[in-house]
Every structure is written in C-alpha cells, then in structure tokens.
Amino acid sequence: MSVSSTGPSVAGSSSPVVSIPDRPSPGALLRQARERAGLSIEELAEQTKLAKNTLELLEQDDFSALSEPVYVRGYYRKIAKVLPVVAAELIEGYVARGAPPRASAVPPRIPLAGGVDSGTSRRHRGQSLGWIAVIVVALSVLVFLTDENSPLRLPESRRIAADVRSGVSSLNVNSMPAAAGTKPVSEPDNTDIPASSTIENPPAVPVQNQLVLEFMEAAFVRVEDARGRALVVGLVRGGERKLLEGQPPYAVLLGNARNVKVFFNAQPVDFSPHINIQNSTARFTVPSP
C-alpha cells in the first residue's frame, strides 16, 4: 500500500505526486539490524569507523543533515559489511524517499568553431600527443635493449639467457643415446633401502588454545583475546568455519547465537546459559572463569 498526495493542483504548478513505498525506511532497517547484532551506536561506530552522529542521522532518516548522496550510499555499503543487512535495500529505500539523482561525472562538451570542444584546448592536445610520443620511444628502446642480438644488451641478461638454454638442454641428457664405451646412467633402485630408514610424516600435534567457531547460518561475531586484539569481527556466512589462535581467555560476542557452535581445544563449549532470549545474542568468555 502506498500513500500519495492527490489534493487539487494549483494553476501553473507542475509538482509531481510523491509516493512513499509501504516498506521499512533505511533507518528502521539499520536500527533493527544493529539491535539483532546486539551492538550499541558506539560499538557500531567503532566497527565501521563512522561518526556516532552520522549513524544516528542515518537511523533517523534525516537526509537533509547528511552529506552528498554519494557519501550516504558509501555509508550504507560500509555498514552492510558489519551488520546483517543488504546495502542495495538501504540504497533503494534512500532513493525512494527523495534522494537526489547522481550527478553526471563528466559534463557534456559543447562543440565550438574550429572543431575544438568546450573544456579542451589545442595546447592540452599538443601536450598529450607529446607524452604519447615519449612513451612510444621508451618502449622501442626497451625492446631493443632486451633483444638477445642487441649489441647494447646487458651482460647479466646474456648470462641469464645462457643459463636458461643450458638448463633446457640438460633436460634431454637421459633421452640421448649413450656414447661408445660409456655406461648409461640408471635410476637409483629404491628396493635396496632398508625399511627402517623410511621417513614417515610425524603425527599432527593438536594446537593449544585454539578457538573454533562453526556457523550453521549467517551470524555476527566478534572475538578478542586477552591482549585486546580482535581476531574476527563482522558478519560470517552460513557453512563457514573460523579457526582462531591467540592468548586466552577469549571475549566472544555472537549474534544469531543459536546457529553457532564453539569449540575450545577440540572440546565443545556450552554457552547456552549466556544466550539472550529476546534477540538471540550471547556474550561469554572462553574458557569460562
């Protein structure tokens, strides 16, 4: 359902009918996604490197106080990398609510007398042709210097080319017929090697203090180790698996926590008591204190 202004038009007025689609505004979508991820405005500002005031204006759909449309679209794309929201839906809602169209990046040129377009000059065209000539000459010199038969070819280049030719020739030594009085070289017979001298791969050593997260569905995750170093931050798609190594204990924040499995040192971690029933987020420490 859409609401449109259908009042009587005033004589001489050509204002178009404004239609607002019956869908959540981009600000409402942002706020809902942030709350589902269990993030505050301050935490989202830290993750996206955007100002807190900018995020508040976006959630309030206060487009008149924001920057140019190209920057607003960039804000939506940056936020969509952190929150479970689609950037295209945010931009569509922004455009549907009166965002000005994108300005043309290159203004049209007006032909002038003499065949020169407005915004250009014969001087600039001459400079461009001069640069093209310089580039062509430089490429010609480079080809001449790298030619193997060139008298100006560097000695190092000749040595490398000779090494390559000798290496190629040595590849066919075994395929050539043996000369008279010489014994062909045979491959070593590995059957004479004692079984005790066989080298085996050492068994895999389990990684200590390793945190493993398995995602059945897309979920937001943030993990910091004891040093305060962020090991992973952002939205992870369903079916992915994260192997994290750092200094325990780990501070874990999960969105859509019911669809995430956590393992520490190959042992499952039961964090169900820490799941918020209202928004399905979870904050806990591994290993638990």
C-alpha atoms as a PDB file:
ATOM      1  CA  MET A   1       0.000   0.000   0.000  1.00  0.00           C
ATOM      2  CA  SER A   2       1.371   3.460  -0.795  1.00  0.00           C
ATOM      3  CA  VAL A   3       0.366   6.905   0.369  1.00  0.00           C
ATOM      4  CA  SER A   4       0.328   9.611  -2.271  1.00  0.00           C
ATOM      5  CA  SER A   5      -0.621  13.250  -2.307  1.00  0.00           C
ATOM      6  CA  THR A   6      -3.698  13.563  -4.515  1.00  0.00           C
ATOM      7  CA  GLY A   7      -5.006  17.010  -3.498  1.00  0.00           C
ATOM      8  CA  PRO A   8      -6.099  19.554  -6.093  1.00  0.00           C
ATOM      9  CA  SER A   9      -3.307  21.084  -8.128  1.00  0.00           C
ATOM     10  CA  VAL A  10      -2.781  24.796  -8.244  1.00  0.00           C
ATOM     11  CA  ALA A  11      -2.864  26.510 -11.609  1.00  0.00           C
ATOM     12  CA  GLY A  12       0.619  26.829 -13.063  1.00  0.00           C
ATOM     13  CA  SER A  13       2.037  24.238 -10.637  1.00  0.00           C
ATOM     14  CA  SER A  14       3.748  21.117 -12.007  1.00  0.00           C
ATOM     15  CA  SER A  15       4.816  19.433  -8.720  1.00  0.00           C
ATOM     16  CA  PRO A  16       4.912  15.614  -9.150  1.00  0.00           C
ATOM     17  CA  VAL A  17       2.975  13.200  -6.992  1.00  0.00           C
ATOM     18  CA  VAL A  18       5.230  11.847  -4.212  1.00  0.00           C
ATOM     19  CA  SER A  19       4.776   8.152  -3.458  1.00  0.00           C
ATOM     20  CA  ILE A  20       6.330   6.532  -0.362  1.00  0.00           C
ATOM     21  CA  PRO A  21       6.543   2.727  -0.612  1.00  0.00           C
ATOM     22  CA  ASP A  22       4.991   0.682   2.186  1.00  0.00           C
ATOM     23  CA  ARG A  23       8.269  -0.766   3.454  1.00  0.00           C
ATOM     24  CA  PRO A  24      10.585  -0.038   6.393  1.00  0.00           C
ATOM     25  CA  SER A  25      12.746   3.019   5.916  1.00  0.00           C
ATOM     26  CA  PRO A  26      16.528   2.513   5.612  1.00  0.00           C
ATOM     27  CA  GLY A  27      16.906   3.983   9.095  1.00  0.00           C
ATOM     28  CA  ALA A  28      14.478   1.421  10.536  1.00  0.00           C
ATOM     29  CA  LEU A  29      16.329  -1.409   8.747  1.00  0.00           C
ATOM     30  CA  LEU A  30      19.651  -0.194  10.178  1.00  0.00           C
ATOM     31  CA  ARG A  31      18.292   0.047  13.706  1.00  0.00           C
ATOM     32  CA  GLN A  32      16.705  -3.420  13.536  1.00  0.00           C
ATOM     33  CA  ALA A  33      19.931  -4.995  12.197  1.00  0.00           C
ATOM     34  CA  ARG A  34      22.039  -3.281  14.866  1.00  0.00           C
ATOM     35  CA  GLU A  35      19.736  -4.480  17.653  1.00  0.00           C
ATOM     36  CA  ARG A  36      19.751  -8.023  16.272  1.00  0.00           C
ATOM     37  CA  ALA A  37      23.558  -7.966  16.353  1.00  0.00           C
ATOM     38  CA  GLY A  38      23.481  -6.731  19.955  1.00  0.00           C
ATOM     39  CA  LEU A  39      25.553  -3.614  19.183  1.00  0.00           C
ATOM     40  CA  SER A  40      25.173  -0.130  20.559  1.00  0.00           C
ATOM     41  CA  ILE A  41      25.617   3.019  18.459  1.00  0.00           C
ATOM     42  CA  GLU A  42      29.079   3.475  19.977  1.00  0.00           C
ATOM     43  CA  GLU A  43      30.139  -0.102  19.174  1.00  0.00           C
ATOM     44  CA  LEU A  44      28.868   0.191  15.592  1.00  0.00           C
ATOM     45  CA  ALA A  45      30.750   3.477  15.183  1.00  0.00           C
ATOM     46  CA  GLU A  46      33.931   1.733  16.340  1.00  0.00           C
ATOM     47  CA  GLN A  47      33.481  -1.154  13.877  1.00  0.00           C
ATOM     48  CA  THR A  48      32.561   0.988  10.838  1.00  0.00           C
ATOM     49  CA  LYS A  49      34.868   3.942  11.627  1.00  0.00           C
ATOM     50  CA  LEU A  50      31.880   6.280  11.120  1.00  0.00           C
ATOM     51  CA  ALA A  51      30.951   9.122  13.468  1.00  0.00           C
ATOM     52  CA  LYS A  52      28.269   8.389  16.053  1.00  0.00           C
ATOM     53  CA  ASN A  53      26.299  11.464  14.907  1.00  0.00           C
ATOM     54  CA  THR A  54      26.322  10.161  11.309  1.00  0.00           C
ATOM     55  CA  LEU A  55      24.911   6.786  12.393  1.00  0.00           C
ATOM     56  CA  GLU A  56      22.194   8.493  14.430  1.00  0.00           C
ATOM     57  CA  LEU A  57      21.181  10.650  11.439  1.00  0.00           C
ATOM     58  CA  LEU A  58      21.060   7.550   9.204  1.00  0.00           C
ATOM     59  CA  GLU A  59      18.806   5.701  11.664  1.00  0.00           C
ATOM     60  CA  GLN A  60      16.547   8.788  11.877  1.00  0.00           C
ATOM     61  CA  ASP A  61      16.415   9.128   8.053  1.00  0.00           C
ATOM     62  CA  ASP A  62      17.467  12.759   8.482  1.00  0.00           C
ATOM     63  CA  PHE A  63      18.912  13.073   4.968  1.00  0.00           C
ATOM     64  CA  SER A  64      18.872  16.886   4.998  1.00  0.00           C
ATOM     65  CA  ALA A  65      21.626  16.934   7.641  1.00  0.00           C
ATOM     66  CA  LEU A  66      23.809  14.343   5.876  1.00  0.00           C
ATOM     67  CA  SER A  67      26.469  14.816   3.201  1.00  0.00           C
ATOM     68  CA  GLU A  68      26.166  14.430  -0.548  1.00  0.00           C
ATOM     69  CA  PRO A  69      24.249  11.349  -1.817  1.00  0.00           C
ATOM     70  CA  VAL A  70      27.442   9.654  -2.976  1.00  0.00           C
ATOM     71  CA  TYR A  71      28.726   9.687   0.616  1.00  0.00           C
ATOM     72  CA  VAL A  72      25.403   8.429   2.027  1.00  0.00           C
ATOM     73  CA  ARG A  73      25.499   5.447  -0.340  1.00  0.00           C
ATOM     74  CA  GLY A  74      29.060   4.778   0.819  1.00  0.00           C
ATOM     75  CA  TYR A  75      27.904   4.830   4.460  1.00  0.00           C
ATOM     76  CA  TYR A  76      25.244   2.195   3.688  1.00  0.00           C
ATOM     77  CA  ARG A  77      27.770  -0.076   1.958  1.00  0.00           C
ATOM     78  CA  LYS A  78      30.243   0.209   4.852  1.00  0.00           C
ATOM     79  CA  ILE A  79      27.571  -0.583   7.453  1.00  0.00           C
ATOM     80  CA  ALA A  80      26.347  -3.604   5.439  1.00  0.00           C
ATOM     81  CA  LYS A  81      29.807  -5.172   5.856  1.00  0.00           C
ATOM     82  CA  VAL A  82      29.306  -5.239   9.637  1.00  0.00           C
ATOM     83  CA  LEU A  83      25.555  -5.725  10.164  1.00  0.00           C
ATOM     84  CA  PRO A  84      23.270  -8.425   8.691  1.00  0.00           C
ATOM     85  CA  VAL A  85      21.590  -6.058   6.224  1.00  0.00           C
ATOM     86  CA  VAL A  86      21.710  -5.717   2.408  1.00  0.00           C
ATOM     87  CA  ALA A  87      23.237  -2.487   1.119  1.00  0.00           C
ATOM     88  CA  ALA A  88      21.048  -2.493  -2.025  1.00  0.00           C
ATOM     89  CA  GLU A  89      17.869  -2.432   0.094  1.00  0.00           C
ATOM     90  CA  LEU A  90      19.161   0.535   2.088  1.00  0.00           C
ATOM     91  CA  ILE A  91      20.061   2.476  -1.056  1.00  0.00           C
ATOM     92  CA  GLU A  92      16.691   1.684  -2.695  1.00  0.00           C
ATOM     93  CA  GLY A  93      14.876   2.981   0.377  1.00  0.00           C
ATOM     94  CA  TYR A  94      17.078   6.074   0.372  1.00  0.00           C
ATOM     95  CA  VAL A  95      16.296   6.796  -3.293  1.00  0.00           C
ATOM     96  CA  ALA A  96      12.561   6.130  -2.776  1.00  0.00           C
ATOM     97  CA  ARG A  97      12.478   8.800  -0.069  1.00  0.00           C
ATOM     98  CA  GLY A  98      13.728  11.609  -2.222  1.00  0.00           C
ATOM     99  CA  ALA A  99      17.480  11.138  -2.587  1.00  0.00           C
ATOM    100  CA  PRO A 100      18.710  13.398  -5.394  1.00  0.00           C
ATOM    101  CA  PRO A 101      19.895  11.547  -8.516  1.00  0.00           C
ATOM    102  CA  ARG A 102      23.597  11.043  -9.099  1.00  0.00           C
ATOM    103  CA  ALA A 103      25.259  13.949 -10.824  1.00  0.00           C
ATOM    104  CA  SER A 104      26.955  13.293 -14.141  1.00  0.00           C
ATOM    105  CA  ALA A 105      30.653  12.728 -13.549  1.00  0.00           C
ATOM    106  CA  VAL A 106      31.685  14.351 -16.899  1.00  0.00           C
ATOM    107  CA  PRO A 107      29.834  17.482 -18.096  1.00  0.00           C
ATOM    108  CA  PRO A 108      28.858  17.451 -21.796  1.00  0.00           C
ATOM    109  CA  ARG A 109      31.211  19.255 -24.111  1.00  0.00           C
ATOM    110  CA  ILE A 110      29.839  21.912 -26.472  1.00  0.00           C
ATOM    111  CA  PRO A 111      31.354  21.917 -29.989  1.00  0.00           C
ATOM    112  CA  LEU A 112      32.903  25.268 -30.849  1.00  0.00           C
ATOM    113  CA  ALA A 113      34.043  26.765 -34.096  1.00  0.00           C
ATOM    114  CA  GLY A 114      37.188  25.152 -35.443  1.00  0.00           C
ATOM    115  CA  GLY A 115      36.305  21.621 -34.242  1.00  0.00           C
ATOM    116  CA  VAL A 116      37.553  22.112 -30.634  1.00  0.00           C
ATOM    117  CA  ASP A 117      35.208  21.043 -27.832  1.00  0.00           C
ATOM    118  CA  SER A 118      34.469  23.280 -24.860  1.00  0.00           C
ATOM    119  CA  GLY A 119      36.678  22.346 -21.916  1.00  0.00           C
ATOM    120  CA  THR A 120      39.663  21.383 -24.096  1.00  0.00           C
ATOM    121  CA  SER A 121      42.388  23.348 -25.856  1.00  0.00           C
ATOM    122  CA  ARG A 122      44.868  22.795 -28.649  1.00  0.00           C
ATOM    123  CA  ARG A 123      47.647  23.298 -26.109  1.00  0.00           C
ATOM    124  CA  HIS A 124      46.490  20.381 -23.971  1.00  0.00           C
ATOM    125  CA  ARG A 125      46.007  18.199 -27.029  1.00  0.00           C
ATOM    126  CA  GLY A 126      49.548  19.001 -28.102  1.00  0.00           C
ATOM    127  CA  GLN A 127      50.890  18.044 -24.682  1.00  0.00           C
ATOM    128  CA  SER A 128      49.010  14.720 -24.825  1.00  0.00           C
ATOM    129  CA  LEU A 129      50.494  13.913 -28.227  1.00  0.00           C
ATOM    130  CA  GLY A 130      53.953  14.760 -26.887  1.00  0.00           C
ATOM    131  CA  TRP A 131      53.576  12.339 -23.984  1.00  0.00           C
ATOM    132  CA  ILE A 132      52.380   9.605 -26.357  1.00  0.00           C
ATOM    133  CA  ALA A 133      55.490  10.094 -28.498  1.00  0.00           C
ATOM    134  CA  VAL A 134      57.744   9.851 -25.421  1.00  0.00           C
ATOM    135  CA  ILE A 135      56.066   6.592 -24.351  1.00  0.00           C
ATOM    136  CA  VAL A 136      56.449   5.078 -27.830  1.00  0.00           C
ATOM    137  CA  VAL A 137      60.169   5.942 -27.920  1.00  0.00           C
ATOM    138  CA  ALA A 138      60.699   4.498 -24.430  1.00  0.00           C
ATOM    139  CA  LEU A 139      59.013   1.217 -25.400  1.00  0.00           C
ATOM    140  CA  SER A 140      61.138   0.975 -28.540  1.00  0.00           C
ATOM    141  CA  VAL A 141      64.343   1.434 -26.545  1.00  0.00           C
ATOM    142  CA  LEU A 142      63.222  -1.196 -24.013  1.00  0.00           C
ATOM    143  CA  VAL A 143      62.535  -3.754 -26.771  1.00  0.00           C
ATOM    144  CA  PHE A 144      65.914  -3.000 -28.360  1.00  0.00           C
ATOM    145  CA  LEU A 145      67.780  -3.480 -25.063  1.00  0.00           C
ATOM    146  CA  THR A 146      66.008  -6.749 -24.219  1.00  0.00           C
ATOM    147  CA  ASP A 147      66.651  -8.228 -27.687  1.00  0.00           C
ATOM    148  CA  GLU A 148      69.218 -11.040 -27.378  1.00  0.00           C
ATOM    149  CA  ASN A 149      71.014  -9.935 -30.565  1.00  0.00           C
ATOM    150  CA  SER A 150      71.216  -6.299 -29.494  1.00  0.00           C
ATOM    151  CA  PRO A 151      74.806  -5.008 -29.029  1.00  0.00           C
ATOM    152  CA  LEU A 152      73.605  -2.955 -26.054  1.00  0.00           C
ATOM    153  CA  ARG A 153      72.071  -5.919 -24.198  1.00  0.00           C
ATOM    154  CA  LEU A 154      73.252  -6.057 -20.598  1.00  0.00           C
ATOM    155  CA  PRO A 155      75.832  -8.793 -19.734  1.00  0.00           C
ATOM    156  CA  GLU A 156      73.633 -10.068 -16.880  1.00  0.00           C
ATOM    157  CA  SER A 157      70.752 -10.614 -19.268  1.00  0.00           C
ATOM    158  CA  ARG A 158      73.031 -12.601 -21.609  1.00  0.00           C
ATOM    159  CA  ARG A 159      74.182 -14.795 -18.690  1.00  0.00           C
ATOM    160  CA  ILE A 160      70.596 -15.492 -17.613  1.00  0.00           C
ATOM    161  CA  ALA A 161      69.594 -16.397 -21.184  1.00  0.00           C
ATOM    162  CA  ALA A 162      72.588 -18.766 -21.471  1.00  0.00           C
ATOM    163  CA  ASP A 163      71.699 -20.434 -18.169  1.00  0.00           C
ATOM    164  CA  VAL A 164      68.154 -20.982 -19.368  1.00  0.00           C
ATOM    165  CA  ARG A 165      69.343 -22.551 -22.647  1.00  0.00           C
ATOM    166  CA  SER A 166      71.771 -24.856 -20.832  1.00  0.00           C
ATOM    167  CA  GLY A 167      69.051 -25.896 -18.396  1.00  0.00           C
ATOM    168  CA  VAL A 168      66.718 -26.795 -21.243  1.00  0.00           C
ATOM    169  CA  SER A 169      69.462 -28.808 -22.949  1.00  0.00           C
ATOM    170  CA  SER A 170      70.210 -30.756 -19.758  1.00  0.00           C
ATOM    171  CA  LEU A 171      66.630 -31.962 -19.585  1.00  0.00           C
ATOM    172  CA  ASN A 172      67.194 -34.280 -22.581  1.00  0.00           C
ATOM    173  CA  VAL A 173      70.515 -35.851 -21.468  1.00  0.00           C
ATOM    174  CA  ASN A 174      68.931 -39.179 -20.406  1.00  0.00           C
ATOM    175  CA  SER A 175      66.959 -39.423 -23.650  1.00  0.00           C
ATOM    176  CA  MET A 176      70.128 -39.193 -25.814  1.00  0.00           C
ATOM    177  CA  PRO A 177      71.863 -42.469 -26.909  1.00  0.00           C
ATOM    178  CA  ALA A 178      74.896 -43.442 -24.827  1.00  0.00           C
ATOM    179  CA  ALA A 179      78.285 -42.962 -26.464  1.00  0.00           C
ATOM    180  CA  ALA A 180      80.562 -45.899 -27.167  1.00  0.00           C
ATOM    181  CA  GLY A 181      82.445 -47.134 -24.109  1.00  0.00           C
ATOM    182  CA  THR A 182      80.228 -45.335 -21.665  1.00  0.00           C
ATOM    183  CA  LYS A 183      77.659 -46.783 -19.298  1.00  0.00           C
ATOM    184  CA  PRO A 184      74.248 -45.187 -19.287  1.00  0.00           C
ATOM    185  CA  VAL A 185      73.170 -43.629 -16.056  1.00  0.00           C
ATOM    186  CA  SER A 186      70.361 -45.600 -14.442  1.00  0.00           C
ATOM    187  CA  GLU A 187      67.809 -44.503 -11.919  1.00  0.00           C
ATOM    188  CA  PRO A 188      68.571 -45.455  -8.298  1.00  0.00           C
ATOM    189  CA  ASP A 189      66.891 -48.631  -7.133  1.00  0.00           C
ATOM    190  CA  ASN A 190      64.883 -47.926  -4.004  1.00  0.00           C
ATOM    191  CA  THR A 191      64.360 -51.632  -3.291  1.00  0.00           C
ATOM    192  CA  ASP A 192      67.777 -51.848  -1.569  1.00  0.00           C
ATOM    193  CA  ILE A 193      66.860 -49.239   1.022  1.00  0.00           C
ATOM    194  CA  PRO A 194      66.117 -50.841   4.414  1.00  0.00           C
ATOM    195  CA  ALA A 195      62.579 -50.450   5.667  1.00  0.00           C
ATOM    196  CA  SER A 196      63.880 -48.929   8.903  1.00  0.00           C
ATOM    197  CA  SER A 197      65.288 -45.919   7.011  1.00  0.00           C
ATOM    198  CA  THR A 198      61.917 -44.916   5.549  1.00  0.00           C
ATOM    199  CA  ILE A 199      60.941 -41.398   6.687  1.00  0.00           C
ATOM    200  CA  GLU A 200      57.350 -41.119   7.891  1.00  0.00           C
ATOM    201  CA  ASN A 201      55.316 -37.966   8.431  1.00  0.00           C
ATOM    202  CA  PRO A 202      55.199 -37.103  12.141  1.00  0.00           C
ATOM    203  CA  PRO A 203      51.743 -37.257  13.734  1.00  0.00           C
ATOM    204  CA  ALA A 204      49.812 -33.981  13.824  1.00  0.00           C
ATOM    205  CA  VAL A 205      50.179 -32.122  17.114  1.00  0.00           C
ATOM    206  CA  PRO A 206      46.939 -30.543  18.384  1.00  0.00           C
ATOM    207  CA  VAL A 207      47.032 -26.758  18.550  1.00  0.00           C
ATOM    208  CA  GLN A 208      46.757 -25.442  22.091  1.00  0.00           C
ATOM    209  CA  ASN A 209      44.444 -22.540  22.991  1.00  0.00           C
ATOM    210  CA  GLN A 210      42.672 -22.794  19.615  1.00  0.00           C
ATOM    211  CA  LEU A 211      39.107 -21.465  19.369  1.00  0.00           C
ATOM    212  CA  VAL A 212      36.910 -22.893  16.590  1.00  0.00           C
ATOM    213  CA  LEU A 213      33.544 -21.444  15.502  1.00  0.00           C
ATOM    214  CA  GLU A 214      31.191 -23.240  13.101  1.00  0.00           C
ATOM    215  CA  PHE A 215      28.291 -21.307  11.541  1.00  0.00           C
ATOM    216  CA  MET A 216      25.120 -23.149  10.504  1.00  0.00           C
ATOM    217  CA  GLU A 217      23.561 -19.835   9.402  1.00  0.00           C
ATOM    218  CA  ALA A 218      24.845 -16.292   8.873  1.00  0.00           C
ATOM    219  CA  ALA A 219      25.727 -14.627  12.163  1.00  0.00           C
ATOM    220  CA  PHE A 220      27.606 -11.631  13.520  1.00  0.00           C
ATOM    221  CA  VAL A 221      30.726 -12.425  15.550  1.00  0.00           C
ATOM    222  CA  ARG A 222      33.412 -10.531  17.447  1.00  0.00           C
ATOM    223  CA  VAL A 223      36.259 -12.285  19.293  1.00  0.00           C
ATOM    224  CA  GLU A 224      39.068 -10.587  21.240  1.00  0.00           C
ATOM    225  CA  ASP A 225      41.914 -12.322  23.054  1.00  0.00           C
ATOM    226  CA  ALA A 226      43.434 -11.438  26.437  1.00  0.00           C
ATOM    227  CA  ARG A 227      45.666  -8.789  24.812  1.00  0.00           C
ATOM    228  CA  GLY A 228      42.604  -6.969  23.429  1.00  0.00           C
ATOM    229  CA  ARG A 229      43.476  -7.989  19.863  1.00  0.00           C
ATOM    230  CA  ALA A 230      40.416  -8.503  17.618  1.00  0.00           C
ATOM    231  CA  LEU A 231      40.720 -11.935  15.971  1.00  0.00           C
ATOM    232  CA  VAL A 232      37.491 -11.712  13.937  1.00  0.00           C
ATOM    233  CA  VAL A 233      34.820  -9.014  13.579  1.00  0.00           C
ATOM    234  CA  GLY A 234      31.847  -8.888  11.227  1.00  0.00           C
ATOM    235  CA  LEU A 235      29.170 -10.976   9.542  1.00  0.00           C
ATOM    236  CA  VAL A 236      30.086 -14.602   8.717  1.00  0.00           C
ATOM    237  CA  ARG A 237      28.089 -16.613   6.182  1.00  0.00           C
ATOM    238  CA  GLY A 238      26.449 -19.915   6.995  1.00  0.00           C
ATOM    239  CA  GLY A 239      28.578 -23.012   6.402  1.00  0.00           C
ATOM    240  CA  GLU A 240      31.867 -21.263   7.211  1.00  0.00           C
ATOM    241  CA  ARG A 241      34.358 -22.317   9.914  1.00  0.00           C
ATOM    242  CA  LYS A 242      36.746 -19.989  11.748  1.00  0.00           C
ATOM    243  CA  LEU A 243      39.990 -21.219  13.393  1.00  0.00           C
ATOM    244  CA  LEU A 244      41.282 -18.605  15.849  1.00  0.00           C
ATOM    245  CA  GLU A 245      44.544 -18.605  17.786  1.00  0.00           C
ATOM    246  CA  GLY A 246      45.528 -16.040  20.400  1.00  0.00           C
ATOM    247  CA  GLN A 247      46.070 -15.516  24.098  1.00  0.00           C
ATOM    248  CA  PRO A 248      43.156 -16.866  26.157  1.00  0.00           C
ATOM    249  CA  PRO A 249      40.764 -16.083  27.698  1.00  0.00           C
ATOM    250  CA  TYR A 250      38.712 -15.035  24.655  1.00  0.00           C
ATOM    251  CA  ALA A 251      35.857 -12.493  24.879  1.00  0.00           C
ATOM    252  CA  VAL A 252      33.135 -13.676  22.468  1.00  0.00           C
ATOM    253  CA  LEU A 253      30.079 -11.788  21.162  1.00  0.00           C
ATOM    254  CA  LEU A 254      27.648 -13.658  18.883  1.00  0.00           C
ATOM    255  CA  GLY A 255      24.530 -12.597  17.011  1.00  0.00           C
ATOM    256  CA  ASN A 256      22.117 -15.346  15.944  1.00  0.00           C
ATOM    257  CA  ALA A 257      23.946 -17.358  18.590  1.00  0.00           C
ATOM    258  CA  ARG A 258      21.680 -20.424  18.431  1.00  0.00           C
ATOM    259  CA  ASN A 259      23.123 -21.267  15.000  1.00  0.00           C
ATOM    260  CA  VAL A 260      26.786 -21.144  16.046  1.00  0.00           C
ATOM    261  CA  LYS A 261      28.903 -23.935  17.553  1.00  0.00           C
ATOM    262  CA  VAL A 262      32.021 -23.121  19.613  1.00  0.00           C
ATOM    263  CA  PHE A 263      34.943 -25.456  20.398  1.00  0.00           C
ATOM    264  CA  PHE A 264      37.997 -24.796  22.575  1.00  0.00           C
ATOM    265  CA  ASN A 265      40.972 -27.186  22.349  1.00  0.00           C
ATOM    266  CA  ALA A 266      38.729 -29.567  20.338  1.00  0.00           C
ATOM    267  CA  GLN A 267      36.139 -29.620  23.157  1.00  0.00           C
ATOM    268  CA  PRO A 268      32.594 -28.195  22.662  1.00  0.00           C
ATOM    269  CA  VAL A 269      31.729 -25.079  24.669  1.00  0.00           C
ATOM    270  CA  ASP A 270      28.230 -24.853  26.201  1.00  0.00           C
ATOM    271  CA  PHE A 271      27.302 -21.155  26.167  1.00  0.00           C
ATOM    272  CA  SER A 272      23.511 -21.675  26.155  1.00  0.00           C
ATOM    273  CA  PRO A 273      23.121 -20.036  29.626  1.00  0.00           C
ATOM    274  CA  HIS A 274      24.529 -16.797  28.129  1.00  0.00           C
ATOM    275  CA  ILE A 275      22.077 -16.546  25.173  1.00  0.00           C
ATOM    276  CA  ASN A 276      19.706 -13.574  25.315  1.00  0.00           C
ATOM    277  CA  ILE A 277      16.255 -14.985  24.558  1.00  0.00           C
ATOM    278  CA  GLN A 278      14.920 -11.685  23.183  1.00  0.00           C
ATOM    279  CA  ASN A 279      17.491 -11.019  20.440  1.00  0.00           C
ATOM    280  CA  SER A 280      19.425 -14.352  20.267  1.00  0.00           C
ATOM    281  CA  THR A 281      22.760 -12.740  21.140  1.00  0.00           C
ATOM    282  CA  ALA A 282      25.373 -14.145  23.511  1.00  0.00           C
ATOM    283  CA  ARG A 283      28.332 -12.671  25.407  1.00  0.00           C
ATOM    284  CA  PHE A 284      30.700 -15.052  27.197  1.00  0.00           C
ATOM    285  CA  THR A 285      34.352 -15.847  27.922  1.00  0.00           C
ATOM    286  CA  VAL A 286      36.320 -18.924  26.805  1.00  0.00           C
ATOM    287  CA  PRO A 287      37.492 -20.630  28.911  1.00  0.00           C
ATOM    288  CA  SER A 288      34.957 -19.565  31.500  1.00  0.00           C
ATOM    289  CA  PRO A 289      36.478 -18.007  34.628  1.00  0.00           C
END
